[in-house]
PDB file of N, CA and C in Angstrom:
ATOM      1  N   MET A   1     -70.368  32.284 -16.880  1.00  0.00           N
ATOM      2  CA  MET A   1     -69.501  31.617 -15.951  1.00  0.00           C
ATOM      3  C   MET A   1     -68.561  30.657 -16.672  1.00  0.00           C
ATOM      4  N   LYS A   2     -69.069  30.023 -17.741  1.00  0.00           N
ATOM      5  CA  LYS A   2     -68.233  29.077 -18.462  1.00  0.00           C
ATOM      6  C   LYS A   2     -67.067  29.798 -19.157  1.00  0.00           C
ATOM      7  N   ALA A   3     -67.251  31.046 -19.601  1.00  0.00           N
ATOM      8  CA  ALA A   3     -66.187  31.802 -20.259  1.00  0.00           C
ATOM      9  C   ALA A   3     -65.134  32.247 -19.251  1.00  0.00           C
ATOM     10  N   PHE A   4     -65.519  32.413 -18.024  1.00  0.00           N
ATOM     11  CA  PHE A   4     -64.602  32.856 -16.985  1.00  0.00           C
ATOM     12  C   PHE A   4     -63.686  31.730 -16.509  1.00  0.00           C
ATOM     13  N   ALA A   5     -64.094  30.501 -16.616  1.00  0.00           N
ATOM     14  CA  ALA A   5     -63.354  29.355 -16.093  1.00  0.00           C
ATOM     15  C   ALA A   5     -61.981  29.177 -16.751  1.00  0.00           C
ATOM     16  N   PRO A   6     -61.832  29.253 -18.082  1.00  0.00           N
ATOM     17  CA  PRO A   6     -60.497  29.075 -18.676  1.00  0.00           C
ATOM     18  C   PRO A   6     -59.514  30.181 -18.246  1.00  0.00           C
ATOM     19  N   PHE A   7     -60.019  31.406 -18.144  1.00  0.00           N
ATOM     20  CA  PHE A   7     -59.142  32.500 -17.734  1.00  0.00           C
ATOM     21  C   PHE A   7     -58.717  32.339 -16.281  1.00  0.00           C
ATOM     22  N   ALA A   8     -59.621  31.926 -15.441  1.00  0.00           N
ATOM     23  CA  ALA A   8     -59.295  31.717 -14.040  1.00  0.00           C
ATOM     24  C   ALA A   8     -58.318  30.563 -13.887  1.00  0.00           C
ATOM     25  N   LEU A   9     -58.500  29.524 -14.654  1.00  0.00           N
ATOM     26  CA  LEU A   9     -57.588  28.383 -14.604  1.00  0.00           C
ATOM     27  C   LEU A   9     -56.180  28.797 -15.051  1.00  0.00           C
ATOM     28  N   ALA A  10     -56.061  29.595 -16.106  1.00  0.00           N
ATOM     29  CA  ALA A  10     -54.760  30.063 -16.587  1.00  0.00           C
ATOM     30  C   ALA A  10     -54.107  30.982 -15.560  1.00  0.00           C
ATOM     31  N   ALA A  11     -54.878  31.856 -14.931  1.00  0.00           N
ATOM     32  CA  ALA A  11     -54.334  32.764 -13.920  1.00  0.00           C
ATOM     33  C   ALA A  11     -53.837  31.982 -12.710  1.00  0.00           C
ATOM     34  N   MET A  12     -54.572  30.997 -12.280  1.00  0.00           N
ATOM     35  CA  MET A  12     -54.165  30.199 -11.130  1.00  0.00           C
ATOM     36  C   MET A  12     -52.909  29.383 -11.440  1.00  0.00           C
ATOM     37  N   THR A  13     -52.823  28.870 -12.672  1.00  0.00           N
ATOM     38  CA  THR A  13     -51.651  28.105 -13.074  1.00  0.00           C
ATOM     39  C   THR A  13     -50.402  28.983 -13.042  1.00  0.00           C
ATOM     40  N   CYS A  14     -50.516  30.204 -13.533  1.00  0.00           N
ATOM     41  CA  CYS A  14     -49.371  31.127 -13.520  1.00  0.00           C
ATOM     42  C   CYS A  14     -48.980  31.496 -12.089  1.00  0.00           C
ATOM     43  N   LEU A  15     -49.956  31.741 -11.253  1.00  0.00           N
ATOM     44  CA  LEU A  15     -49.645  32.120  -9.875  1.00  0.00           C
ATOM     45  C   LEU A  15     -49.012  30.966  -9.103  1.00  0.00           C
ATOM     46  N   LEU A  16     -49.491  29.768  -9.323  1.00  0.00           N
ATOM     47  CA  LEU A  16     -48.977  28.633  -8.574  1.00  0.00           C
ATOM     48  C   LEU A  16     -47.586  28.194  -9.055  1.00  0.00           C
ATOM     49  N   SER A  17     -47.332  28.306 -10.349  1.00  0.00           N
ATOM     50  CA  SER A  17     -46.031  27.874 -10.854  1.00  0.00           C
ATOM     51  C   SER A  17     -44.980  28.978 -10.731  1.00  0.00           C
ATOM     52  N   GLN A  18     -45.414  30.167 -10.387  1.00  0.00           N
ATOM     53  CA  GLN A  18     -44.545  31.319 -10.179  1.00  0.00           C
ATOM     54  C   GLN A  18     -43.571  31.514 -11.332  1.00  0.00           C
ATOM     55  N   ILE A  19     -44.132  31.730 -12.489  1.00  0.00           N
ATOM     56  CA  ILE A  19     -43.319  32.006 -13.665  1.00  0.00           C
ATOM     57  C   ILE A  19     -42.709  33.386 -13.483  1.00  0.00           C
ATOM     58  N   SER A  20     -41.405  33.425 -13.522  1.00  0.00           N
ATOM     59  CA  SER A  20     -40.742  34.718 -13.364  1.00  0.00           C
ATOM     60  C   SER A  20     -39.723  34.885 -14.477  1.00  0.00           C
ATOM     61  N   ALA A  21     -39.658  36.062 -14.970  1.00  0.00           N
ATOM     62  CA  ALA A  21     -38.665  36.396 -15.988  1.00  0.00           C
ATOM     63  C   ALA A  21     -37.666  37.348 -15.352  1.00  0.00           C
ATOM     64  N   GLN A  22     -36.402  37.033 -15.498  1.00  0.00           N
ATOM     65  CA  GLN A  22     -35.388  37.882 -14.912  1.00  0.00           C
ATOM     66  C   GLN A  22     -34.751  38.731 -16.001  1.00  0.00           C
ATOM     67  N   ALA A  23     -34.584  39.988 -15.690  1.00  0.00           N
ATOM     68  CA  ALA A  23     -33.926  40.887 -16.624  1.00  0.00           C
ATOM     69  C   ALA A  23     -32.421  40.741 -16.493  1.00  0.00           C
ATOM     70  N   GLN A  24     -31.721  41.067 -17.547  1.00  0.00           N
ATOM     71  CA  GLN A  24     -30.267  41.041 -17.463  1.00  0.00           C
ATOM     72  C   GLN A  24     -29.822  42.205 -16.596  1.00  0.00           C
ATOM     73  N   TYR A  25     -28.875  41.943 -15.746  1.00  0.00           N
ATOM     74  CA  TYR A  25     -28.394  42.962 -14.842  1.00  0.00           C
ATOM     75  C   TYR A  25     -26.891  43.066 -14.980  1.00  0.00           C
ATOM     76  N   LYS A  26     -26.422  44.279 -15.113  1.00  0.00           N
ATOM     77  CA  LYS A  26     -24.987  44.503 -15.176  1.00  0.00           C
ATOM     78  C   LYS A  26     -24.578  45.260 -13.921  1.00  0.00           C
ATOM     79  N   ALA A  27     -23.533  44.806 -13.334  1.00  0.00           N
ATOM     80  CA  ALA A  27     -23.003  45.476 -12.161  1.00  0.00           C
ATOM     81  C   ALA A  27     -22.307  46.768 -12.580  1.00  0.00           C
ATOM     82  N   PRO A  28     -22.150  47.729 -11.680  1.00  0.00           N
ATOM     83  CA  PRO A  28     -21.438  48.965 -12.025  1.00  0.00           C
ATOM     84  C   PRO A  28     -20.018  48.708 -12.512  1.00  0.00           C
ATOM     85  N   SER A  29     -19.394  47.642 -12.044  1.00  0.00           N
ATOM     86  CA  SER A  29     -18.039  47.336 -12.495  1.00  0.00           C
ATOM     87  C   SER A  29     -18.020  46.917 -13.955  1.00  0.00           C
ATOM     88  N   GLN A  30     -19.134  46.435 -14.491  1.00  0.00           N
ATOM     89  CA  GLN A  30     -19.188  46.071 -15.898  1.00  0.00           C
ATOM     90  C   GLN A  30     -19.420  47.291 -16.781  1.00  0.00           C
ATOM     91  N   TYR A  31     -20.094  48.311 -16.245  1.00  0.00           N
ATOM     92  CA  TYR A  31     -20.291  49.531 -17.013  1.00  0.00           C
ATOM     93  C   TYR A  31     -19.011  50.358 -17.063  1.00  0.00           C
ATOM     94  N   PHE A  32     -18.232  50.325 -15.989  1.00  0.00           N
ATOM     95  CA  PHE A  32     -17.004  51.100 -15.898  1.00  0.00           C
ATOM     96  C   PHE A  32     -15.843  50.170 -15.572  1.00  0.00           C
ATOM     97  N   PRO A  33     -15.367  49.399 -16.556  1.00  0.00           N
ATOM     98  CA  PRO A  33     -14.286  48.452 -16.263  1.00  0.00           C
ATOM     99  C   PRO A  33     -12.985  49.184 -15.945  1.00  0.00           C
ATOM    100  N   LYS A  34     -12.154  48.550 -15.153  1.00  0.00           N
ATOM    101  CA  LYS A  34     -10.889  49.140 -14.712  1.00  0.00           C
ATOM    102  C   LYS A  34      -9.815  49.077 -15.792  1.00  0.00           C
ATOM    103  N   THR A  35     -10.039  48.326 -16.859  1.00  0.00           N
ATOM    104  CA  THR A  35      -9.030  48.201 -17.901  1.00  0.00           C
ATOM    105  C   THR A  35      -8.935  49.441 -18.778  1.00  0.00           C
ATOM    106  N   TYR A  36      -9.946  50.296 -18.766  1.00  0.00           N
ATOM    107  CA  TYR A  36      -9.924  51.520 -19.552  1.00  0.00           C
ATOM    108  C   TYR A  36      -9.589  52.686 -18.636  1.00  0.00           C
ATOM    109  N   PRO A  37      -8.462  53.370 -18.870  1.00  0.00           N
ATOM    110  CA  PRO A  37      -8.109  54.472 -17.986  1.00  0.00           C
ATOM    111  C   PRO A  37      -9.042  55.663 -18.188  1.00  0.00           C
ATOM    112  N   ALA A  38      -9.239  56.418 -17.150  1.00  0.00           N
ATOM    113  CA  ALA A  38     -10.097  57.595 -17.202  1.00  0.00           C
ATOM    114  C   ALA A  38      -9.402  58.695 -17.991  1.00  0.00           C
ATOM    115  N   PRO A  39     -10.147  59.558 -18.659  1.00  0.00           N
ATOM    116  CA  PRO A  39      -9.521  60.659 -19.390  1.00  0.00           C
ATOM    117  C   PRO A  39      -8.893  61.664 -18.423  1.00  0.00           C
ATOM    118  N   GLN A  40      -7.818  62.274 -18.858  1.00  0.00           N
ATOM    119  CA  GLN A  40      -7.121  63.260 -18.042  1.00  0.00           C
ATOM    120  C   GLN A  40      -7.912  64.569 -18.036  1.00  0.00           C
ATOM    121  N   PRO A  41      -7.841  65.327 -16.969  1.00  0.00           N
ATOM    122  CA  PRO A  41      -8.504  66.638 -16.953  1.00  0.00           C
ATOM    123  C   PRO A  41      -7.908  67.529 -18.036  1.00  0.00           C
ATOM    124  N   GLY A  42      -8.739  68.299 -18.667  1.00  0.00           N
ATOM    125  CA  GLY A  42      -8.272  69.196 -19.723  1.00  0.00           C
ATOM    126  C   GLY A  42      -8.369  68.580 -21.110  1.00  0.00           C
ATOM    127  N   GLY A  43      -8.923  67.388 -21.212  1.00  0.00           N
ATOM    128  CA  GLY A  43      -9.142  66.788 -22.524  1.00  0.00           C
ATOM    129  C   GLY A  43      -7.979  65.986 -23.066  1.00  0.00           C
ATOM    130  N   GLY A  44      -6.905  65.827 -22.318  1.00  0.00           N
ATOM    131  CA  GLY A  44      -5.771  65.035 -22.787  1.00  0.00           C
ATOM    132  C   GLY A  44      -6.071  63.555 -22.676  1.00  0.00           C
ATOM    133  N   ALA A  45      -5.382  62.762 -23.451  1.00  0.00           N
ATOM    134  CA  ALA A  45      -5.580  61.313 -23.409  1.00  0.00           C
ATOM    135  C   ALA A  45      -4.804  60.727 -22.241  1.00  0.00           C
ATOM    136  N   ALA A  46      -5.285  59.628 -21.734  1.00  0.00           N
ATOM    137  CA  ALA A  46      -4.604  58.940 -20.643  1.00  0.00           C
ATOM    138  C   ALA A  46      -3.294  58.369 -21.163  1.00  0.00           C
ATOM    139  N   PRO A  47      -2.285  58.274 -20.306  1.00  0.00           N
ATOM    140  CA  PRO A  47      -1.018  57.724 -20.775  1.00  0.00           C
ATOM    141  C   PRO A  47      -1.180  56.273 -21.213  1.00  0.00           C
ATOM    142  N   GLY A  48      -0.613  55.965 -22.360  1.00  0.00           N
ATOM    143  CA  GLY A  48      -0.687  54.608 -22.891  1.00  0.00           C
ATOM    144  C   GLY A  48      -1.941  54.334 -23.696  1.00  0.00           C
ATOM    145  N   ALA A  49      -2.878  55.247 -23.700  1.00  0.00           N
ATOM    146  CA  ALA A  49      -4.119  55.034 -24.457  1.00  0.00           C
ATOM    147  C   ALA A  49      -3.932  55.551 -25.876  1.00  0.00           C
ATOM    148  N   ALA A  50      -4.525  54.850 -26.836  1.00  0.00           N
ATOM    149  CA  ALA A  50      -4.431  55.268 -28.231  1.00  0.00           C
ATOM    150  C   ALA A  50      -5.386  56.426 -28.466  1.00  0.00           C
ATOM    151  N   ASN A  51      -4.941  57.420 -29.192  1.00  0.00           N
ATOM    152  CA  ASN A  51      -5.767  58.576 -29.504  1.00  0.00           C
ATOM    153  C   ASN A  51      -6.515  58.285 -30.797  1.00  0.00           C
ATOM    154  N   PRO A  52      -7.856  58.170 -30.763  1.00  0.00           N
ATOM    155  CA  PRO A  52      -8.597  57.806 -31.978  1.00  0.00           C
ATOM    156  C   PRO A  52      -8.582  58.890 -33.041  1.00  0.00           C
ATOM    157  N   ALA A  53      -8.261  60.127 -32.687  1.00  0.00           N
ATOM    158  CA  ALA A  53      -8.272  61.211 -33.665  1.00  0.00           C
ATOM    159  C   ALA A  53      -6.858  61.547 -34.128  1.00  0.00           C
ATOM    160  N   SER A  54      -5.954  60.588 -34.123  1.00  0.00           N
ATOM    161  CA  SER A  54      -4.572  60.857 -34.512  1.00  0.00           C
ATOM    162  C   SER A  54      -4.491  61.038 -36.023  1.00  0.00           C
ATOM    163  N   PRO A  55      -3.623  61.939 -36.482  1.00  0.00           N
ATOM    164  CA  PRO A  55      -3.523  62.189 -37.926  1.00  0.00           C
ATOM    165  C   PRO A  55      -2.757  61.103 -38.677  1.00  0.00           C
ATOM    166  N   GLN A  56      -2.221  60.087 -37.998  1.00  0.00           N
ATOM    167  CA  GLN A  56      -1.456  59.050 -38.679  1.00  0.00           C
ATOM    168  C   GLN A  56      -2.322  57.952 -39.274  1.00  0.00           C
ATOM    169  N   GLN A  57      -3.631  58.044 -39.130  1.00  0.00           N
ATOM    170  CA  GLN A  57      -4.496  56.999 -39.670  1.00  0.00           C
ATOM    171  C   GLN A  57      -4.427  57.021 -41.194  1.00  0.00           C
ATOM    172  N   PRO A  58      -4.326  55.846 -41.815  1.00  0.00           N
ATOM    173  CA  PRO A  58      -4.250  55.820 -43.277  1.00  0.00           C
ATOM    174  C   PRO A  58      -5.588  56.210 -43.904  1.00  0.00           C
ATOM    175  N   ALA A  59      -5.495  56.899 -45.014  1.00  0.00           N
ATOM    176  CA  ALA A  59      -6.698  57.301 -45.736  1.00  0.00           C
ATOM    177  C   ALA A  59      -7.285  56.092 -46.448  1.00  0.00           C
ATOM    178  N   LYS A  60      -8.593  56.120 -46.688  1.00  0.00           N
ATOM    179  CA  LYS A  60      -9.234  55.027 -47.407  1.00  0.00           C
ATOM    180  C   LYS A  60      -8.741  55.000 -48.847  1.00  0.00           C
ATOM    181  N   VAL A  61      -8.451  53.814 -49.316  1.00  0.00           N
ATOM    182  CA  VAL A  61      -7.983  53.648 -50.686  1.00  0.00           C
ATOM    183  C   VAL A  61      -9.196  53.656 -51.611  1.00  0.00           C
ATOM    184  N   GLN A  62      -9.160  54.530 -52.598  1.00  0.00           N
ATOM    185  CA  GLN A  62     -10.252  54.609 -53.554  1.00  0.00           C
ATOM    186  C   GLN A  62     -10.119  53.467 -54.554  1.00  0.00           C
ATOM    187  N   PRO A  63     -11.240  52.859 -54.956  1.00  0.00           N
ATOM    188  CA  PRO A  63     -11.150  51.785 -55.956  1.00  0.00           C
ATOM    189  C   PRO A  63     -10.660  52.356 -57.288  1.00  0.00           C
ATOM    190  N   PRO A  64      -9.951  51.529 -58.060  1.00  0.00           N
ATOM    191  CA  PRO A  64      -9.423  52.030 -59.338  1.00  0.00           C
ATOM    192  C   PRO A  64     -10.555  52.329 -60.317  1.00  0.00           C
ATOM    193  N   LYS A  65     -10.238  53.157 -61.282  1.00  0.00           N
ATOM    194  CA  LYS A  65     -11.194  53.502 -62.327  1.00  0.00           C
ATOM    195  C   LYS A  65     -10.797  52.792 -63.609  1.00  0.00           C
ATOM    196  N   PHE A  66     -11.731  52.731 -64.529  1.00  0.00           N
ATOM    197  CA  PHE A  66     -11.504  52.014 -65.784  1.00  0.00           C
ATOM    198  C   PHE A  66     -10.313  52.579 -66.540  1.00  0.00           C
ATOM    199  N   LYS A  67     -10.124  53.895 -66.499  1.00  0.00           N
ATOM    200  CA  LYS A  67      -9.018  54.506 -67.239  1.00  0.00           C
ATOM    201  C   LYS A  67      -7.652  54.138 -66.654  1.00  0.00           C
ATOM    202  N   ASP A  68      -7.599  53.736 -65.361  1.00  0.00           N
ATOM    203  CA  ASP A  68      -6.337  53.395 -64.713  1.00  0.00           C
ATOM    204  C   ASP A  68      -5.850  51.984 -65.037  1.00  0.00           C
ATOM    205  N   LEU A  69      -6.713  51.145 -65.595  1.00  0.00           N
ATOM    206  CA  LEU A  69      -6.337  49.763 -65.886  1.00  0.00           C
ATOM    207  C   LEU A  69      -5.504  49.678 -67.163  1.00  0.00           C
ATOM    208  N   PRO A  70      -4.520  48.763 -67.207  1.00  0.00           N
ATOM    209  CA  PRO A  70      -3.786  48.543 -68.462  1.00  0.00           C
ATOM    210  C   PRO A  70      -4.636  47.706 -69.423  1.00  0.00           C
ATOM    211  N   LEU A  71      -4.237  47.687 -70.686  1.00  0.00           N
ATOM    212  CA  LEU A  71      -4.951  46.873 -71.678  1.00  0.00           C
ATOM    213  C   LEU A  71      -4.820  45.395 -71.336  1.00  0.00           C
ATOM    214  N   ASN A  72      -5.826  44.614 -71.688  1.00  0.00           N
ATOM    215  CA  ASN A  72      -5.916  43.171 -71.446  1.00  0.00           C
ATOM    216  C   ASN A  72      -5.909  42.826 -69.959  1.00  0.00           C
ATOM    217  N   ALA A  73      -6.294  43.747 -69.117  1.00  0.00           N
ATOM    218  CA  ALA A  73      -6.373  43.486 -67.676  1.00  0.00           C
ATOM    219  C   ALA A  73      -7.788  43.037 -67.336  1.00  0.00           C
ATOM    220  N   GLY A  74      -7.885  42.040 -66.478  1.00  0.00           N
ATOM    221  CA  GLY A  74      -9.188  41.565 -66.040  1.00  0.00           C
ATOM    222  C   GLY A  74      -9.691  42.403 -64.878  1.00  0.00           C
ATOM    223  N   PHE A  75     -10.993  42.636 -64.821  1.00  0.00           N
ATOM    224  CA  PHE A  75     -11.589  43.415 -63.745  1.00  0.00           C
ATOM    225  C   PHE A  75     -13.038  43.014 -63.555  1.00  0.00           C
ATOM    226  N   TYR A  76     -13.593  43.450 -62.452  1.00  0.00           N
ATOM    227  CA  TYR A  76     -15.009  43.261 -62.153  1.00  0.00           C
ATOM    228  C   TYR A  76     -15.606  44.633 -61.912  1.00  0.00           C
ATOM    229  N   PHE A  77     -16.890  44.786 -62.201  1.00  0.00           N
ATOM    230  CA  PHE A  77     -17.555  46.040 -61.892  1.00  0.00           C
ATOM    231  C   PHE A  77     -17.701  46.181 -60.383  1.00  0.00           C
ATOM    232  N   HIS A  78     -17.749  47.397 -59.937  1.00  0.00           N
ATOM    233  CA  HIS A  78     -17.827  47.676 -58.506  1.00  0.00           C
ATOM    234  C   HIS A  78     -19.120  47.095 -57.910  1.00  0.00           C
ATOM    235  N   SER A  79     -20.183  47.045 -58.663  1.00  0.00           N
ATOM    236  CA  SER A  79     -21.457  46.525 -58.165  1.00  0.00           C
ATOM    237  C   SER A  79     -21.517  44.995 -58.168  1.00  0.00           C
ATOM    238  N   ASP A  80     -20.558  44.335 -58.796  1.00  0.00           N
ATOM    239  CA  ASP A  80     -20.524  42.868 -58.855  1.00  0.00           C
ATOM    240  C   ASP A  80     -19.795  42.347 -57.618  1.00  0.00           C
ATOM    241  N   THR A  81     -20.504  42.279 -56.494  1.00  0.00           N
ATOM    242  CA  THR A  81     -19.877  41.910 -55.223  1.00  0.00           C
ATOM    243  C   THR A  81     -19.496  40.433 -55.174  1.00  0.00           C
ATOM    244  N   ASN A  82     -20.158  39.579 -55.920  1.00  0.00           N
ATOM    245  CA  ASN A  82     -19.826  38.150 -55.940  1.00  0.00           C
ATOM    246  C   ASN A  82     -18.708  37.822 -56.909  1.00  0.00           C
ATOM    247  N   ARG A  83     -18.305  38.804 -57.691  1.00  0.00           N
ATOM    248  CA  ARG A  83     -17.284  38.622 -58.725  1.00  0.00           C
ATOM    249  C   ARG A  83     -17.660  37.478 -59.664  1.00  0.00           C
ATOM    250  N   SER A  84     -18.842  37.586 -60.207  1.00  0.00           N
ATOM    251  CA  SER A  84     -19.377  36.543 -61.080  1.00  0.00           C
ATOM    252  C   SER A  84     -18.955  36.705 -62.537  1.00  0.00           C
ATOM    253  N   TYR A  85     -18.843  37.963 -63.000  1.00  0.00           N
ATOM    254  CA  TYR A  85     -18.589  38.212 -64.418  1.00  0.00           C
ATOM    255  C   TYR A  85     -17.262  38.945 -64.590  1.00  0.00           C
ATOM    256  N   LEU A  86     -16.263  38.235 -65.068  1.00  0.00           N
ATOM    257  CA  LEU A  86     -14.958  38.832 -65.329  1.00  0.00           C
ATOM    258  C   LEU A  86     -15.010  39.577 -66.652  1.00  0.00           C
ATOM    259  N   TRP A  87     -14.510  40.818 -66.653  1.00  0.00           N
ATOM    260  CA  TRP A  87     -14.425  41.631 -67.854  1.00  0.00           C
ATOM    261  C   TRP A  87     -12.954  41.863 -68.166  1.00  0.00           C
ATOM    262  N   THR A  88     -12.641  42.072 -69.436  1.00  0.00           N
ATOM    263  CA  THR A  88     -11.283  42.331 -69.886  1.00  0.00           C
ATOM    264  C   THR A  88     -11.271  43.633 -70.674  1.00  0.00           C
ATOM    265  N   LYS A  89     -10.338  44.523 -70.332  1.00  0.00           N
ATOM    266  CA  LYS A  89     -10.230  45.797 -71.043  1.00  0.00           C
ATOM    267  C   LYS A  89      -9.543  45.541 -72.375  1.00  0.00           C
ATOM    268  N   ILE A  90     -10.224  45.886 -73.488  1.00  0.00           N
ATOM    269  CA  ILE A  90      -9.660  45.626 -74.810  1.00  0.00           C
ATOM    270  C   ILE A  90      -9.230  46.912 -75.515  1.00  0.00           C
ATOM    271  N   SER A  91      -9.688  48.062 -75.046  1.00  0.00           N
ATOM    272  CA  SER A  91      -9.238  49.347 -75.586  1.00  0.00           C
ATOM    273  C   SER A  91      -9.455  50.399 -74.497  1.00  0.00           C
ATOM    274  N   THR A  92      -9.200  51.650 -74.823  1.00  0.00           N
ATOM    275  CA  THR A  92      -9.327  52.705 -73.815  1.00  0.00           C
ATOM    276  C   THR A  92     -10.768  52.973 -73.414  1.00  0.00           C
ATOM    277  N   SER A  93     -11.713  52.489 -74.219  1.00  0.00           N
ATOM    278  CA  SER A  93     -13.110  52.755 -73.888  1.00  0.00           C
ATOM    279  C   SER A  93     -14.010  51.531 -73.965  1.00  0.00           C
ATOM    280  N   GLN A  94     -13.457  50.343 -74.251  1.00  0.00           N
ATOM    281  CA  GLN A  94     -14.277  49.157 -74.400  1.00  0.00           C
ATOM    282  C   GLN A  94     -13.755  48.008 -73.553  1.00  0.00           C
ATOM    283  N   ALA A  95     -14.702  47.145 -73.147  1.00  0.00           N
ATOM    284  CA  ALA A  95     -14.366  45.952 -72.371  1.00  0.00           C
ATOM    285  C   ALA A  95     -15.182  44.784 -72.883  1.00  0.00           C
ATOM    286  N   ARG A  96     -14.638  43.569 -72.718  1.00  0.00           N
ATOM    287  CA  ARG A  96     -15.310  42.362 -73.186  1.00  0.00           C
ATOM    288  C   ARG A  96     -15.619  41.475 -71.986  1.00  0.00           C
ATOM    289  N   ASN A  97     -16.833  40.942 -71.957  1.00  0.00           N
ATOM    290  CA  ASN A  97     -17.255  40.016 -70.921  1.00  0.00           C
ATOM    291  C   ASN A  97     -16.705  38.642 -71.260  1.00  0.00           C
ATOM    292  N   SER A  98     -16.019  38.012 -70.305  1.00  0.00           N
ATOM    293  CA  SER A  98     -15.414  36.712 -70.597  1.00  0.00           C
ATOM    294  C   SER A  98     -16.428  35.575 -70.555  1.00  0.00           C
ATOM    295  N   LYS A  99     -17.607  35.823 -70.005  1.00  0.00           N
ATOM    296  CA  LYS A  99     -18.604  34.755 -69.913  1.00  0.00           C
ATOM    297  C   LYS A  99     -19.341  34.534 -71.235  1.00  0.00           C
ATOM    298  N   ASN A 100     -19.761  35.652 -71.887  1.00  0.00           N
ATOM    299  CA  ASN A 100     -20.523  35.494 -73.128  1.00  0.00           C
ATOM    300  C   ASN A 100     -19.956  36.311 -74.284  1.00  0.00           C
ATOM    301  N   GLY A 101     -18.824  37.005 -74.112  1.00  0.00           N
ATOM    302  CA  GLY A 101     -18.171  37.712 -75.207  1.00  0.00           C
ATOM    303  C   GLY A 101     -18.779  39.043 -75.594  1.00  0.00           C
ATOM    304  N   VAL A 102     -19.655  39.605 -74.814  1.00  0.00           N
ATOM    305  CA  VAL A 102     -20.280  40.883 -75.130  1.00  0.00           C
ATOM    306  C   VAL A 102     -19.250  41.994 -74.976  1.00  0.00           C
ATOM    307  N   VAL A 103     -19.196  42.904 -75.960  1.00  0.00           N
ATOM    308  CA  VAL A 103     -18.298  44.061 -75.901  1.00  0.00           C
ATOM    309  C   VAL A 103     -19.145  45.269 -75.540  1.00  0.00           C
ATOM    310  N   GLN A 104     -18.660  46.038 -74.552  1.00  0.00           N
ATOM    311  CA  GLN A 104     -19.426  47.187 -74.088  1.00  0.00           C
ATOM    312  C   GLN A 104     -18.510  48.401 -73.978  1.00  0.00           C
ATOM    313  N   THR A 105     -19.050  49.568 -74.343  1.00  0.00           N
ATOM    314  CA  THR A 105     -18.309  50.823 -74.215  1.00  0.00           C
ATOM    315  C   THR A 105     -18.536  51.366 -72.811  1.00  0.00           C
ATOM    316  N   LEU A 106     -17.426  51.719 -72.142  1.00  0.00           N
ATOM    317  CA  LEU A 106     -17.491  52.203 -70.771  1.00  0.00           C
ATOM    318  C   LEU A 106     -16.882  53.586 -70.673  1.00  0.00           C
ATOM    319  N   GLY A 107     -17.341  54.349 -69.697  1.00  0.00           N
ATOM    320  CA  GLY A 107     -16.757  55.649 -69.422  1.00  0.00           C
ATOM    321  C   GLY A 107     -15.429  55.483 -68.689  1.00  0.00           C
ATOM    322  N   ALA A 108     -14.563  56.449 -68.839  1.00  0.00           N
ATOM    323  CA  ALA A 108     -13.237  56.374 -68.228  1.00  0.00           C
ATOM    324  C   ALA A 108     -13.312  56.444 -66.705  1.00  0.00           C
ATOM    325  N   GLU A 109     -14.322  57.093 -66.155  1.00  0.00           N
ATOM    326  CA  GLU A 109     -14.440  57.268 -64.696  1.00  0.00           C
ATOM    327  C   GLU A 109     -15.208  56.153 -64.016  1.00  0.00           C
ATOM    328  N   THR A 110     -15.543  55.089 -64.728  1.00  0.00           N
ATOM    329  CA  THR A 110     -16.290  53.961 -64.136  1.00  0.00           C
ATOM    330  C   THR A 110     -15.412  53.255 -63.108  1.00  0.00           C
ATOM    331  N   ARG A 111     -15.935  53.081 -61.881  1.00  0.00           N
ATOM    332  CA  ARG A 111     -15.171  52.418 -60.835  1.00  0.00           C
ATOM    333  C   ARG A 111     -15.226  50.903 -61.062  1.00  0.00           C
ATOM    334  N   VAL A 112     -14.099  50.252 -60.864  1.00  0.00           N
ATOM    335  CA  VAL A 112     -13.983  48.805 -61.074  1.00  0.00           C
ATOM    336  C   VAL A 112     -13.257  48.177 -59.899  1.00  0.00           C
ATOM    337  N   GLN A 113     -13.246  46.851 -59.865  1.00  0.00           N
ATOM    338  CA  GLN A 113     -12.493  46.068 -58.878  1.00  0.00           C
ATOM    339  C   GLN A 113     -11.501  45.202 -59.628  1.00  0.00           C
ATOM    340  N   LYS A 114     -10.319  45.083 -59.098  1.00  0.00           N
ATOM    341  CA  LYS A 114      -9.316  44.203 -59.728  1.00  0.00           C
ATOM    342  C   LYS A 114      -9.497  42.797 -59.243  1.00  0.00           C
TER     343      LYS A 114
END
């Protein structure tokens, strides 16, 4: 009986205080807003609506490669997202780290950031 008392007290407290949780509710007008025009029958776009599959979208610019850099140009490796270590191209296949002076041989196809 003593073990039952705390559970009964907690159940009575919840029932008396009527703890209720409300779910978020969206009205049908929020699911289908009037600002977006309906698609035209036959798959055509609504007048004034932008066509997301238009061929005029610019292509993604590929990052430059080590071979594309001029001599004495500063660059960062593609994996160096914080741009912590500046490197300088000193020849067609070598670069020098400006932080500690290390010279490293790199492949021509290595992707870099300017």
